[in-house]
N, C-alpha and C. Protein backbone atom coordinates (compact mmCIF):
# COMPACT_ATOMS: atom_id res chain seq x y z
N UNK A 1 72.73 103.41 135.78
CA UNK A 1 71.65 103.05 134.86
C UNK A 1 72.16 102.97 133.41
N UNK A 2 73.01 103.97 133.05
CA UNK A 2 73.58 103.99 131.72
C UNK A 2 74.46 102.78 131.46
N UNK A 3 75.27 102.42 132.46
CA UNK A 3 76.17 101.27 132.30
C UNK A 3 75.37 99.97 132.19
N UNK A 4 74.28 99.88 132.93
CA UNK A 4 73.44 98.69 132.87
C UNK A 4 72.82 98.55 131.48
N UNK A 5 72.33 99.66 130.94
CA UNK A 5 71.75 99.65 129.60
C UNK A 5 72.79 99.25 128.56
N UNK A 6 74.01 99.76 128.75
CA UNK A 6 75.09 99.44 127.82
C UNK A 6 75.40 97.94 127.84
N UNK A 7 75.55 97.39 129.04
CA UNK A 7 75.86 95.97 129.17
C UNK A 7 74.74 95.11 128.58
N UNK A 8 73.50 95.47 128.89
CA UNK A 8 72.36 94.70 128.39
C UNK A 8 72.29 94.73 126.86
N UNK A 9 72.58 95.91 126.26
CA UNK A 9 72.51 95.97 124.81
C UNK A 9 73.68 95.24 124.16
N UNK A 10 74.84 95.27 124.75
CA UNK A 10 75.97 94.52 124.20
C UNK A 10 75.65 93.02 124.22
N UNK A 11 75.05 92.56 125.32
CA UNK A 11 74.63 91.14 125.39
C UNK A 11 73.58 90.85 124.33
N UNK A 12 72.60 91.76 124.20
CA UNK A 12 71.56 91.58 123.19
C UNK A 12 72.16 91.56 121.79
N UNK A 13 73.17 92.39 121.56
CA UNK A 13 73.83 92.43 120.24
C UNK A 13 74.51 91.10 119.95
N UNK A 14 75.12 90.52 120.96
CA UNK A 14 75.73 89.20 120.78
C UNK A 14 74.67 88.16 120.40
N UNK A 15 73.53 88.22 121.08
CA UNK A 15 72.45 87.26 120.81
C UNK A 15 71.87 87.47 119.41
N UNK A 16 71.75 88.72 119.00
CA UNK A 16 71.29 89.01 117.63
C UNK A 16 72.31 88.49 116.62
N UNK A 17 73.58 88.77 116.87
CA UNK A 17 74.63 88.28 115.98
C UNK A 17 74.68 86.76 115.89
N UNK A 18 74.24 86.11 116.95
CA UNK A 18 74.27 84.65 117.00
C UNK A 18 73.23 83.98 116.12
N UNK A 19 72.24 84.75 115.65
CA UNK A 19 71.19 84.14 114.82
C UNK A 19 71.81 83.63 113.52
N UNK A 20 71.76 82.33 113.27
CA UNK A 20 72.41 81.75 112.07
C UNK A 20 71.47 81.78 110.87
N UNK A 21 71.39 82.93 110.22
CA UNK A 21 70.42 83.09 109.14
C UNK A 21 70.64 82.10 108.00
N UNK A 22 71.90 81.74 107.72
CA UNK A 22 72.15 80.75 106.69
C UNK A 22 71.48 79.43 107.01
N UNK A 23 71.57 79.02 108.25
CA UNK A 23 70.95 77.77 108.68
C UNK A 23 69.43 77.91 108.69
N UNK A 24 68.93 79.07 109.13
CA UNK A 24 67.49 79.31 109.13
C UNK A 24 66.93 79.19 107.72
N UNK A 25 67.62 79.80 106.75
CA UNK A 25 67.16 79.75 105.36
C UNK A 25 67.24 78.33 104.81
N UNK A 26 68.33 77.63 105.09
CA UNK A 26 68.48 76.28 104.53
C UNK A 26 67.43 75.32 105.09
N UNK A 27 67.13 75.47 106.37
CA UNK A 27 66.13 74.58 106.97
C UNK A 27 64.71 75.03 106.65
N UNK A 28 64.50 76.36 106.69
CA UNK A 28 63.15 76.88 106.48
C UNK A 28 62.67 76.76 105.05
N UNK A 29 63.56 77.01 104.08
CA UNK A 29 63.15 77.00 102.68
C UNK A 29 63.46 75.69 101.97
N UNK A 30 64.51 75.00 102.39
CA UNK A 30 64.96 73.83 101.64
C UNK A 30 64.93 72.53 102.45
N UNK A 31 64.56 72.66 103.73
CA UNK A 31 64.47 71.49 104.61
C UNK A 31 65.79 70.71 104.66
N UNK A 32 66.90 71.46 104.60
CA UNK A 32 68.21 70.84 104.67
C UNK A 32 69.07 71.57 105.70
N UNK A 33 69.97 70.83 106.31
CA UNK A 33 70.87 71.41 107.31
C UNK A 33 72.14 71.87 106.62
N UNK A 34 72.35 73.17 106.55
CA UNK A 34 73.50 73.72 105.85
C UNK A 34 74.82 73.22 106.40
N UNK A 35 74.83 72.85 107.69
CA UNK A 35 76.05 72.36 108.33
C UNK A 35 76.48 71.01 107.77
N UNK A 36 75.58 70.34 107.05
CA UNK A 36 75.89 69.03 106.48
C UNK A 36 76.10 69.10 104.97
N UNK A 37 76.17 70.33 104.45
CA UNK A 37 76.31 70.53 103.01
C UNK A 37 77.59 71.30 102.71
N UNK A 38 78.21 71.00 101.59
CA UNK A 38 79.38 71.76 101.16
C UNK A 38 80.44 71.82 102.24
N UNK A 39 80.83 73.04 102.59
CA UNK A 39 81.87 73.24 103.59
C UNK A 39 81.38 73.03 105.01
N UNK A 40 80.04 73.04 105.20
CA UNK A 40 79.49 72.94 106.54
C UNK A 40 79.37 74.28 107.24
N UNK A 41 79.84 75.35 106.60
CA UNK A 41 79.77 76.68 107.19
C UNK A 41 78.36 77.23 107.06
N UNK A 42 77.95 78.08 108.02
CA UNK A 42 76.57 78.60 108.01
C UNK A 42 76.47 79.95 107.32
N UNK A 43 77.51 80.39 106.64
CA UNK A 43 77.51 81.69 106.01
C UNK A 43 76.91 81.71 104.62
N UNK A 44 76.86 82.92 104.06
CA UNK A 44 76.18 83.14 102.78
C UNK A 44 76.84 82.41 101.61
N UNK A 45 78.17 82.27 101.63
CA UNK A 45 78.84 81.62 100.50
C UNK A 45 78.44 80.15 100.38
N UNK A 46 78.35 79.47 101.49
CA UNK A 46 77.92 78.07 101.45
C UNK A 46 76.46 77.97 101.02
N UNK A 47 75.65 78.97 101.37
CA UNK A 47 74.27 79.02 100.89
C UNK A 47 74.26 79.13 99.36
N UNK A 48 75.09 80.02 98.81
CA UNK A 48 75.13 80.20 97.36
C UNK A 48 75.54 78.92 96.66
N UNK A 49 76.51 78.24 97.20
CA UNK A 49 77.04 77.06 96.51
C UNK A 49 76.08 75.88 96.57
N UNK A 50 75.16 75.91 97.50
CA UNK A 50 74.21 74.82 97.61
C UNK A 50 72.81 75.15 97.12
N UNK A 51 72.43 76.44 97.19
CA UNK A 51 71.05 76.81 96.87
C UNK A 51 70.91 77.91 95.83
N UNK A 52 72.00 78.57 95.47
CA UNK A 52 71.91 79.57 94.42
C UNK A 52 72.10 81.01 94.89
N UNK A 53 71.99 81.92 93.92
CA UNK A 53 72.32 83.32 94.16
C UNK A 53 71.28 84.03 95.01
N UNK A 54 70.00 83.81 94.77
CA UNK A 54 68.96 84.55 95.49
C UNK A 54 69.03 84.32 97.00
N UNK A 55 69.09 83.07 97.47
CA UNK A 55 69.23 82.89 98.92
C UNK A 55 70.55 83.41 99.45
N UNK A 56 71.60 83.38 98.63
CA UNK A 56 72.89 83.96 99.01
C UNK A 56 72.72 85.44 99.33
N UNK A 57 72.05 86.17 98.42
CA UNK A 57 71.84 87.60 98.62
C UNK A 57 71.02 87.84 99.87
N UNK A 58 69.98 87.03 100.07
CA UNK A 58 69.12 87.19 101.24
C UNK A 58 69.90 87.00 102.54
N UNK A 59 70.70 85.94 102.59
CA UNK A 59 71.48 85.67 103.80
C UNK A 59 72.56 86.73 104.00
N UNK A 60 73.18 87.17 102.93
CA UNK A 60 74.19 88.23 103.03
C UNK A 60 73.58 89.49 103.64
N UNK A 61 72.41 89.87 103.16
CA UNK A 61 71.75 91.08 103.68
C UNK A 61 71.36 90.89 105.14
N UNK A 62 70.82 89.74 105.47
CA UNK A 62 70.42 89.48 106.86
C UNK A 62 71.63 89.47 107.80
N UNK A 63 72.73 88.87 107.36
CA UNK A 63 73.93 88.86 108.20
C UNK A 63 74.52 90.26 108.36
N UNK A 64 74.48 91.05 107.30
CA UNK A 64 74.93 92.43 107.41
C UNK A 64 74.02 93.22 108.36
N UNK A 65 72.73 92.94 108.29
CA UNK A 65 71.76 93.66 109.12
C UNK A 65 72.03 93.46 110.62
N UNK A 66 72.59 92.32 110.97
CA UNK A 66 72.89 92.07 112.39
C UNK A 66 73.89 93.09 112.92
N UNK A 67 74.96 93.31 112.16
CA UNK A 67 75.96 94.27 112.59
C UNK A 67 75.44 95.70 112.53
N UNK A 68 74.70 96.01 111.46
CA UNK A 68 74.15 97.35 111.31
C UNK A 68 73.16 97.67 112.43
N UNK A 69 72.27 96.73 112.73
CA UNK A 69 71.27 96.95 113.77
C UNK A 69 71.91 97.12 115.14
N UNK A 70 72.94 96.34 115.42
CA UNK A 70 73.60 96.43 116.72
C UNK A 70 74.12 97.84 116.97
N UNK A 71 74.72 98.44 115.94
CA UNK A 71 75.28 99.79 116.07
C UNK A 71 74.18 100.84 116.08
N UNK A 72 73.26 100.77 115.13
CA UNK A 72 72.25 101.80 114.99
C UNK A 72 71.29 101.85 116.16
N UNK A 73 70.89 100.70 116.66
CA UNK A 73 69.97 100.68 117.81
C UNK A 73 70.68 101.20 119.05
N UNK A 74 71.96 100.86 119.20
CA UNK A 74 72.73 101.40 120.34
C UNK A 74 72.70 102.93 120.32
N UNK A 75 72.93 103.50 119.16
CA UNK A 75 72.89 104.96 119.03
C UNK A 75 71.47 105.48 119.27
N UNK A 76 70.48 104.75 118.77
CA UNK A 76 69.09 105.17 118.90
C UNK A 76 68.58 105.19 120.33
N UNK A 77 69.14 104.35 121.18
CA UNK A 77 68.71 104.32 122.58
C UNK A 77 69.61 105.16 123.47
N UNK A 78 70.46 105.96 122.84
CA UNK A 78 71.24 106.94 123.58
C UNK A 78 72.60 106.50 124.09
N UNK A 79 73.09 105.37 123.63
CA UNK A 79 74.41 104.92 124.05
C UNK A 79 75.48 105.65 123.25
N UNK A 80 76.64 105.83 123.86
CA UNK A 80 77.68 106.62 123.20
C UNK A 80 78.33 105.84 122.05
N UNK A 81 79.05 106.52 121.17
CA UNK A 81 79.63 105.86 119.99
C UNK A 81 80.54 104.68 120.31
N UNK A 82 81.28 104.75 121.41
CA UNK A 82 82.16 103.63 121.76
C UNK A 82 81.35 102.39 122.11
N UNK A 83 80.27 102.58 122.86
CA UNK A 83 79.40 101.45 123.19
C UNK A 83 78.73 100.91 121.93
N UNK A 84 78.37 101.81 121.02
CA UNK A 84 77.78 101.37 119.75
C UNK A 84 78.76 100.49 118.98
N UNK A 85 80.03 100.90 118.96
CA UNK A 85 81.06 100.09 118.31
C UNK A 85 81.22 98.74 118.99
N UNK A 86 81.24 98.74 120.31
CA UNK A 86 81.35 97.47 121.05
C UNK A 86 80.15 96.57 120.80
N UNK A 87 78.98 97.19 120.61
CA UNK A 87 77.79 96.42 120.28
C UNK A 87 77.94 95.75 118.92
N UNK A 88 78.50 96.51 117.95
CA UNK A 88 78.77 95.92 116.64
C UNK A 88 79.76 94.78 116.73
N UNK A 89 80.79 94.96 117.53
CA UNK A 89 81.78 93.90 117.71
C UNK A 89 81.15 92.68 118.36
N UNK A 90 80.23 92.91 119.29
CA UNK A 90 79.52 91.79 119.93
C UNK A 90 78.70 91.01 118.91
N UNK A 91 78.10 91.72 117.96
CA UNK A 91 77.33 91.04 116.91
C UNK A 91 78.25 90.18 116.04
N UNK A 92 79.44 90.69 115.73
CA UNK A 92 80.41 89.91 114.96
C UNK A 92 80.81 88.65 115.73
N UNK A 93 81.08 88.82 117.02
CA UNK A 93 81.45 87.67 117.85
C UNK A 93 80.31 86.66 117.88
N UNK A 94 79.07 87.16 117.96
CA UNK A 94 77.92 86.25 117.95
C UNK A 94 77.83 85.46 116.66
N UNK A 95 78.08 86.13 115.53
CA UNK A 95 78.04 85.41 114.26
C UNK A 95 79.14 84.35 114.17
N UNK A 96 80.32 84.71 114.64
CA UNK A 96 81.46 83.79 114.57
C UNK A 96 81.38 82.65 115.57
N UNK A 97 80.85 82.94 116.74
CA UNK A 97 80.76 81.96 117.82
C UNK A 97 79.36 82.01 118.41
N UNK A 98 78.42 81.44 117.68
CA UNK A 98 77.01 81.56 118.01
C UNK A 98 76.62 80.74 119.24
N UNK A 99 75.91 81.40 120.14
CA UNK A 99 75.38 80.71 121.32
C UNK A 99 74.45 79.58 120.92
N UNK A 100 73.71 79.78 119.83
CA UNK A 100 72.71 78.81 119.39
C UNK A 100 73.32 77.61 118.67
N UNK A 101 74.60 77.70 118.33
CA UNK A 101 75.27 76.61 117.61
C UNK A 101 76.45 76.07 118.42
N UNK A 102 76.34 76.13 119.74
CA UNK A 102 77.39 75.65 120.63
C UNK A 102 78.72 76.34 120.35
N UNK A 103 78.62 77.66 120.12
CA UNK A 103 79.77 78.55 119.93
C UNK A 103 80.57 78.25 118.65
N UNK A 104 79.87 77.70 117.68
CA UNK A 104 80.42 77.61 116.33
C UNK A 104 79.68 78.63 115.47
N UNK A 105 80.19 78.91 114.29
CA UNK A 105 79.50 79.89 113.47
C UNK A 105 80.20 80.18 112.17
N UNK A 106 79.95 81.37 111.65
CA UNK A 106 80.52 81.78 110.37
C UNK A 106 81.85 82.48 110.52
N UNK A 107 82.15 83.35 109.56
CA UNK A 107 83.47 83.99 109.54
C UNK A 107 83.42 85.50 109.68
N UNK A 108 82.22 86.04 109.82
CA UNK A 108 82.07 87.43 110.24
C UNK A 108 82.22 88.49 109.18
N UNK A 109 82.37 88.13 107.92
CA UNK A 109 82.62 89.13 106.89
C UNK A 109 81.40 90.01 106.65
N UNK A 110 80.24 89.40 106.41
CA UNK A 110 79.03 90.18 106.14
C UNK A 110 78.62 91.00 107.37
N UNK A 111 78.69 90.39 108.54
CA UNK A 111 78.31 91.11 109.76
C UNK A 111 79.26 92.27 110.03
N UNK A 112 80.53 92.07 109.77
CA UNK A 112 81.50 93.17 109.87
C UNK A 112 81.16 94.27 108.88
N UNK A 113 80.71 93.87 107.69
CA UNK A 113 80.30 94.86 106.70
C UNK A 113 79.17 95.73 107.20
N UNK A 114 78.23 95.14 107.91
CA UNK A 114 77.13 95.91 108.48
C UNK A 114 77.62 96.91 109.51
N UNK A 115 78.59 96.50 110.32
CA UNK A 115 79.18 97.40 111.32
C UNK A 115 79.90 98.55 110.63
N UNK A 116 80.64 98.25 109.58
CA UNK A 116 81.37 99.29 108.84
C UNK A 116 80.40 100.32 108.27
N UNK A 117 79.33 99.85 107.64
CA UNK A 117 78.34 100.76 107.05
C UNK A 117 77.71 101.64 108.13
N UNK A 118 77.45 101.06 109.29
CA UNK A 118 76.75 101.80 110.34
C UNK A 118 77.63 102.77 111.11
N UNK A 119 78.92 102.44 111.28
CA UNK A 119 79.74 103.19 112.23
C UNK A 119 80.96 103.89 111.64
N UNK A 120 81.27 103.62 110.38
CA UNK A 120 82.51 104.15 109.80
C UNK A 120 82.21 105.10 108.64
N UNK A 121 83.16 105.99 108.32
CA UNK A 121 82.97 106.90 107.18
C UNK A 121 82.77 106.13 105.88
N UNK A 122 82.11 106.78 104.94
CA UNK A 122 81.84 106.17 103.64
C UNK A 122 83.14 105.74 102.96
N UNK A 123 84.21 106.50 103.16
CA UNK A 123 85.49 106.18 102.53
C UNK A 123 86.00 104.81 102.96
N UNK A 124 85.79 104.45 104.22
CA UNK A 124 86.20 103.12 104.71
C UNK A 124 85.35 102.04 104.05
N UNK A 125 84.04 102.27 104.01
CA UNK A 125 83.14 101.31 103.37
C UNK A 125 83.53 101.08 101.91
N UNK A 126 83.80 102.16 101.19
CA UNK A 126 84.17 102.04 99.79
C UNK A 126 85.49 101.30 99.60
N UNK A 127 86.43 101.56 100.50
CA UNK A 127 87.73 100.89 100.40
C UNK A 127 87.59 99.39 100.63
N UNK A 128 86.84 99.02 101.66
CA UNK A 128 86.69 97.61 102.01
C UNK A 128 85.88 96.87 100.94
N UNK A 129 84.74 97.44 100.57
CA UNK A 129 83.89 96.80 99.55
C UNK A 129 84.61 96.76 98.21
N UNK A 130 85.27 97.88 97.86
CA UNK A 130 86.00 97.93 96.59
C UNK A 130 87.08 96.86 96.52
N UNK A 131 87.82 96.69 97.61
CA UNK A 131 88.85 95.66 97.65
C UNK A 131 88.24 94.27 97.49
N UNK A 132 87.14 94.02 98.20
CA UNK A 132 86.48 92.71 98.12
C UNK A 132 86.05 92.41 96.70
N UNK A 133 85.34 93.35 96.08
CA UNK A 133 84.82 93.13 94.72
C UNK A 133 85.96 92.95 93.73
N UNK A 134 86.98 93.78 93.85
CA UNK A 134 88.11 93.70 92.91
C UNK A 134 88.81 92.35 92.99
N UNK A 135 89.02 91.86 94.21
CA UNK A 135 89.73 90.58 94.35
C UNK A 135 88.86 89.42 93.90
N UNK A 136 87.55 89.49 94.14
CA UNK A 136 86.65 88.44 93.65
C UNK A 136 86.71 88.38 92.12
N UNK A 137 86.67 89.55 91.49
CA UNK A 137 86.70 89.59 90.03
C UNK A 137 88.03 89.09 89.47
N UNK A 138 89.11 89.41 90.17
CA UNK A 138 90.44 89.01 89.70
C UNK A 138 90.73 87.53 89.93
N UNK A 139 90.33 87.01 91.09
CA UNK A 139 90.73 85.65 91.46
C UNK A 139 89.59 84.65 91.45
N UNK A 140 88.36 85.15 91.62
CA UNK A 140 87.18 84.30 91.80
C UNK A 140 87.32 83.38 93.02
N UNK A 141 88.11 83.80 93.99
CA UNK A 141 88.25 83.04 95.23
C UNK A 141 87.74 83.91 96.38
N UNK A 142 86.63 83.51 96.95
CA UNK A 142 85.97 84.33 97.97
C UNK A 142 86.83 84.53 99.21
N UNK A 143 87.56 83.51 99.61
CA UNK A 143 88.37 83.64 100.82
C UNK A 143 89.48 84.66 100.64
N UNK A 144 90.08 84.70 99.46
CA UNK A 144 91.13 85.69 99.19
C UNK A 144 90.54 87.10 99.27
N UNK A 145 89.36 87.28 98.68
CA UNK A 145 88.70 88.58 98.73
C UNK A 145 88.35 88.97 100.15
N UNK A 146 87.90 88.02 100.94
CA UNK A 146 87.52 88.29 102.33
C UNK A 146 88.74 88.66 103.17
N UNK A 147 89.82 87.94 102.98
CA UNK A 147 91.06 88.24 103.72
C UNK A 147 91.59 89.62 103.33
N UNK A 148 91.56 89.92 102.04
CA UNK A 148 92.02 91.23 101.57
C UNK A 148 91.15 92.35 102.15
N UNK A 149 89.84 92.13 102.16
CA UNK A 149 88.92 93.14 102.71
C UNK A 149 89.15 93.31 104.21
N UNK A 150 89.38 92.19 104.90
CA UNK A 150 89.63 92.25 106.34
C UNK A 150 90.89 93.06 106.65
N UNK A 151 91.92 92.89 105.85
CA UNK A 151 93.15 93.64 106.05
C UNK A 151 92.98 95.12 105.68
N UNK A 152 92.14 95.37 104.69
CA UNK A 152 91.87 96.75 104.27
C UNK A 152 91.13 97.54 105.34
N UNK A 153 90.31 96.86 106.13
CA UNK A 153 89.48 97.52 107.14
C UNK A 153 90.31 98.38 108.11
N UNK A 154 91.27 97.81 108.86
CA UNK A 154 92.04 98.66 109.78
C UNK A 154 92.97 99.64 109.06
N UNK A 155 93.50 99.23 107.90
CA UNK A 155 94.40 100.13 107.18
C UNK A 155 93.65 101.38 106.71
N UNK A 156 92.49 101.19 106.10
CA UNK A 156 91.71 102.33 105.62
C UNK A 156 91.19 103.17 106.78
N UNK A 157 90.86 102.52 107.89
CA UNK A 157 90.41 103.27 109.07
C UNK A 157 91.53 104.17 109.58
N UNK A 158 92.74 103.62 109.66
CA UNK A 158 93.88 104.41 110.14
C UNK A 158 94.16 105.59 109.21
N UNK A 159 94.02 105.37 107.90
CA UNK A 159 94.27 106.44 106.94
C UNK A 159 93.22 107.53 107.05
N UNK A 160 91.95 107.13 107.09
CA UNK A 160 90.86 108.11 107.12
C UNK A 160 90.90 108.95 108.40
N UNK A 161 91.25 108.32 109.52
CA UNK A 161 91.26 109.03 110.80
C UNK A 161 92.65 109.50 111.21
N UNK A 162 93.60 109.48 110.29
CA UNK A 162 95.00 109.73 110.64
C UNK A 162 95.22 111.06 111.36
N UNK A 163 94.49 112.10 110.97
CA UNK A 163 94.72 113.42 111.56
C UNK A 163 94.00 113.61 112.90
N UNK A 164 93.12 112.69 113.24
CA UNK A 164 92.36 112.82 114.49
C UNK A 164 92.19 111.47 115.17
N UNK A 165 93.22 110.64 115.07
CA UNK A 165 93.15 109.28 115.61
C UNK A 165 92.99 109.27 117.12
N UNK A 166 93.46 110.32 117.80
CA UNK A 166 93.32 110.38 119.25
C UNK A 166 91.85 110.43 119.67
N UNK A 167 90.99 110.91 118.78
CA UNK A 167 89.56 110.95 119.09
C UNK A 167 88.82 109.70 118.61
N UNK A 168 89.40 109.02 117.63
CA UNK A 168 88.69 107.90 117.00
C UNK A 168 89.45 106.57 117.15
N UNK A 169 90.30 106.48 118.17
CA UNK A 169 91.04 105.23 118.35
C UNK A 169 90.13 104.03 118.59
N UNK A 170 88.91 104.19 119.21
CA UNK A 170 88.05 103.00 119.34
C UNK A 170 87.68 102.40 117.98
N UNK A 171 87.51 103.26 116.98
CA UNK A 171 87.20 102.76 115.63
C UNK A 171 88.34 101.90 115.10
N UNK A 172 89.57 102.37 115.31
CA UNK A 172 90.72 101.59 114.85
C UNK A 172 90.86 100.30 115.65
N UNK A 173 90.63 100.37 116.96
CA UNK A 173 90.74 99.17 117.80
C UNK A 173 89.75 98.10 117.36
N UNK A 174 88.49 98.50 117.12
CA UNK A 174 87.48 97.54 116.68
C UNK A 174 87.82 97.00 115.29
N UNK A 175 88.34 97.86 114.41
CA UNK A 175 88.73 97.41 113.07
C UNK A 175 89.83 96.36 113.15
N UNK A 176 90.81 96.59 114.00
CA UNK A 176 91.91 95.62 114.16
C UNK A 176 91.40 94.30 114.71
N UNK A 177 90.55 94.37 115.74
CA UNK A 177 90.01 93.15 116.35
C UNK A 177 89.17 92.37 115.35
N UNK A 178 88.29 93.07 114.64
CA UNK A 178 87.44 92.40 113.64
C UNK A 178 88.29 91.76 112.56
N UNK A 179 89.35 92.45 112.15
CA UNK A 179 90.25 91.91 111.13
C UNK A 179 90.95 90.65 111.63
N UNK A 180 91.41 90.67 112.88
CA UNK A 180 92.06 89.49 113.45
C UNK A 180 91.10 88.32 113.57
N UNK A 181 89.84 88.62 113.93
CA UNK A 181 88.83 87.56 113.98
C UNK A 181 88.68 86.92 112.60
N UNK A 182 88.59 87.76 111.56
CA UNK A 182 88.40 87.25 110.21
C UNK A 182 89.58 86.39 109.77
N UNK A 183 90.79 86.84 110.07
CA UNK A 183 91.97 86.06 109.71
C UNK A 183 91.99 84.72 110.44
N UNK A 184 91.64 84.74 111.72
CA UNK A 184 91.61 83.50 112.50
C UNK A 184 90.57 82.53 111.92
N UNK A 185 89.39 83.04 111.59
CA UNK A 185 88.33 82.18 111.08
C UNK A 185 88.66 81.65 109.67
N UNK A 186 89.57 82.31 109.00
CA UNK A 186 89.98 81.85 107.66
C UNK A 186 91.27 81.03 107.68
N UNK A 187 91.67 80.57 108.84
CA UNK A 187 92.95 79.86 108.94
C UNK A 187 92.97 78.60 108.08
N UNK A 188 91.86 77.89 107.98
CA UNK A 188 91.83 76.69 107.13
C UNK A 188 91.89 77.08 105.66
N UNK A 189 91.21 78.17 105.30
CA UNK A 189 91.28 78.66 103.93
C UNK A 189 92.70 79.04 103.56
N UNK A 190 93.40 79.70 104.51
CA UNK A 190 94.79 80.10 104.26
C UNK A 190 95.66 78.88 104.01
N UNK A 191 95.41 77.82 104.79
CA UNK A 191 96.15 76.58 104.59
C UNK A 191 95.92 75.99 103.20
N UNK A 192 94.65 76.03 102.75
CA UNK A 192 94.35 75.50 101.41
C UNK A 192 94.93 76.40 100.32
N UNK A 193 94.93 77.70 100.57
CA UNK A 193 95.53 78.62 99.59
C UNK A 193 97.02 78.33 99.41
N UNK A 194 97.70 78.06 100.51
CA UNK A 194 99.12 77.77 100.44
C UNK A 194 99.40 76.48 99.68
N UNK A 195 98.42 75.57 99.69
CA UNK A 195 98.57 74.31 98.96
C UNK A 195 97.99 74.39 97.55
N UNK A 196 97.38 75.53 97.21
CA UNK A 196 96.76 75.67 95.91
C UNK A 196 95.48 74.88 95.77
N UNK A 197 94.79 74.65 96.87
CA UNK A 197 93.60 73.81 96.87
C UNK A 197 92.31 74.57 97.13
N UNK A 198 92.38 75.88 97.27
CA UNK A 198 91.17 76.65 97.58
C UNK A 198 90.29 76.78 96.33
N UNK A 199 89.01 76.43 96.43
CA UNK A 199 88.13 76.46 95.25
C UNK A 199 87.74 77.87 94.84
N UNK A 200 87.34 78.00 93.58
CA UNK A 200 86.88 79.28 93.05
C UNK A 200 85.36 79.34 93.07
N UNK A 201 84.85 80.55 92.93
CA UNK A 201 83.40 80.76 92.95
C UNK A 201 82.77 80.18 91.70
N UNK A 202 81.71 79.42 91.91
CA UNK A 202 80.91 78.92 90.79
C UNK A 202 79.45 79.13 91.15
N UNK A 203 78.70 79.69 90.23
CA UNK A 203 77.29 79.97 90.49
C UNK A 203 76.42 78.76 90.16
N UNK A 204 76.77 77.66 90.74
CA UNK A 204 75.96 76.46 90.59
C UNK A 204 76.09 75.63 91.85
N UNK A 205 75.16 74.74 92.07
CA UNK A 205 75.17 73.93 93.26
C UNK A 205 76.31 72.94 93.20
N UNK A 206 77.15 72.99 94.21
CA UNK A 206 78.27 72.07 94.27
C UNK A 206 78.81 72.02 95.67
N UNK A 207 79.51 71.02 96.02
CA UNK A 207 80.11 70.93 97.33
C UNK A 207 81.55 71.40 97.27
N UNK A 208 81.96 72.10 98.33
CA UNK A 208 83.33 72.61 98.38
C UNK A 208 83.75 72.79 99.82
N UNK A 209 85.01 72.99 100.01
CA UNK A 209 85.53 73.18 101.37
C UNK A 209 85.64 74.63 101.77
N UNK A 210 85.61 75.53 100.83
CA UNK A 210 85.94 76.91 101.17
C UNK A 210 84.78 77.86 101.10
N UNK A 211 84.65 78.75 102.09
CA UNK A 211 83.70 79.82 102.04
C UNK A 211 84.16 80.94 102.95
N UNK A 212 83.35 81.98 103.09
CA UNK A 212 83.89 83.14 103.79
C UNK A 212 83.04 83.68 104.90
N UNK A 213 81.74 83.55 104.89
CA UNK A 213 80.98 84.35 105.83
C UNK A 213 80.55 83.59 107.05
């Protein structure tokens, strides 16, 4: 019975993660298809570049909530911490490869952030968020900040749990997998960075090729 509940919630977490809030906001509020604007990505950064800061914040929070809810509800219904982590990972996979978008999607940064807040020590959250904010301020390139934050996730997890990693290895495993997902989804951004073609953040409506979430 427990295993059935675990499997069902992991599937449900994937379906929750698959909800493309960026697309919902663009169609619901602006009657436009976000996939046909700017970079074509359904994440919060493309929302900001086409519709402004307020919808960006809304989509960022909603995307984070997917990861947070997957973990917290798993714990709330009595599933063990490892299953809760797997539920969070399922939400990230759903965001990146959405069932509702023919297995296309965003880049998982905000949803991963929700999982980190829900399942990891505050020190990990501060390290990841601090790295993201610092790199955005220094470079004004969202993809660089996202890649740096993704790399910080497993490193900070390993450091925080270093003395008891034998008990918390699932946390490190999920951190590594989520980081690899983020790097893979940013492969085009990495290519543009190597060519010096990656755009910087501008708080105005404009079309661009690069985004992060």
